[in-house]
Protein backbone atom coordinates (compact mmCIF):
# COMPACT_ATOMS: atom_id res chain seq x y z
CA UNK A 1 -0.09 -22.34 -5.87
CA UNK A 2 2.01 -21.67 -2.81
CA UNK A 3 4.85 -19.26 -2.35
CA UNK A 4 7.68 -19.17 0.15
CA UNK A 5 8.62 -15.83 1.69
CA UNK A 6 11.18 -14.71 4.21
CA UNK A 7 10.02 -12.39 6.98
CA UNK A 8 12.24 -10.29 9.26
CA UNK A 9 10.46 -9.62 12.52
CA UNK A 10 11.12 -6.78 14.91
CA UNK A 11 10.82 -7.43 18.66
CA UNK A 12 7.12 -6.57 18.79
CA UNK A 13 6.22 -8.83 15.85
CA UNK A 14 8.37 -11.65 17.22
CA UNK A 15 6.63 -11.45 20.60
CA UNK A 16 3.23 -11.46 18.89
CA UNK A 17 4.20 -14.49 16.82
CA UNK A 18 5.35 -16.28 19.97
CA UNK A 19 1.98 -15.62 21.62
CA UNK A 20 0.14 -17.00 18.59
CA UNK A 21 2.32 -20.11 18.24
CA UNK A 22 1.86 -20.83 21.95
CA UNK A 23 -1.70 -21.86 21.03
CA UNK A 24 -0.30 -24.70 18.93
CA UNK A 25 -0.12 -23.13 15.46
CA UNK A 26 3.08 -23.41 13.48
CA UNK A 27 4.83 -20.17 12.55
CA UNK A 28 3.72 -20.62 8.94
CA UNK A 29 0.08 -21.15 9.93
CA UNK A 30 0.17 -18.17 12.29
CA UNK A 31 1.61 -15.86 9.66
CA UNK A 32 -0.83 -17.11 7.03
CA UNK A 33 -3.79 -16.45 9.36
CA UNK A 34 -2.43 -13.00 10.21
CA UNK A 35 -2.05 -12.04 6.55
CA UNK A 36 -5.53 -13.27 5.67
CA UNK A 37 -7.00 -11.55 8.74
CA UNK A 38 -5.30 -8.26 7.91
CA UNK A 39 -6.60 -8.41 4.33
CA UNK A 40 -10.12 -9.17 5.54
CA UNK A 41 -10.17 -6.24 7.95
CA UNK A 42 -8.51 -3.74 5.63
CA UNK A 43 -10.80 -1.70 3.46
CA UNK A 44 -8.94 -1.61 0.20
CA UNK A 45 -9.98 0.15 -2.95
CA UNK A 46 -8.23 0.69 -6.22
CA UNK A 47 -5.91 3.67 -6.18
CA UNK A 48 -7.42 4.78 -9.49
CA UNK A 49 -11.07 3.96 -10.01
CA UNK A 50 -11.39 5.78 -13.33
CA UNK A 51 -8.21 5.94 -15.43
CA UNK A 52 -9.84 8.25 -17.99
CA UNK A 53 -10.77 10.77 -15.28
CA UNK A 54 -7.21 10.63 -13.95
CA UNK A 55 -5.80 11.29 -17.41
CA UNK A 56 -8.18 14.25 -17.88
CA UNK A 57 -7.21 15.68 -14.49
CA UNK A 58 -3.51 15.35 -15.34
CA UNK A 59 -4.05 17.05 -18.70
CA UNK A 60 -5.93 19.88 -16.98
CA UNK A 61 -3.20 20.31 -14.36
CA UNK A 62 -0.54 20.40 -17.10
CA UNK A 63 -2.54 23.09 -18.89
CA UNK A 64 -2.83 25.13 -15.69
CA UNK A 65 0.91 24.81 -15.00
CA UNK A 66 1.73 25.88 -18.56
CA UNK A 67 -0.57 28.88 -18.19
CA UNK A 68 1.05 29.95 -14.91
CA UNK A 69 4.53 29.56 -16.35
CA UNK A 70 3.57 31.57 -19.44
CA UNK A 71 2.30 34.49 -17.34
CA UNK A 72 5.26 34.68 -14.97
CA UNK A 73 7.95 37.26 -15.54
CA UNK A 74 11.42 35.83 -16.12
CA UNK A 75 13.85 36.25 -13.22
CA UNK A 76 16.21 39.22 -13.44
């Protein structure tokens, strides 16, 4: 499946694209290679590796906040 996207380039990106297309690649091929290259060189990991642990941590933080609020004196 292919997808068409529109890309707005700043001056630096436009200059880089011009350098890449000077080697004979089309703009589409150059952008495709750049996206694949960036993904290959980027170390990605899931933002949440353990949803249950995240939920427990959130519950604990809510308990701590409730405890702090319960022990504070009301403003005068």
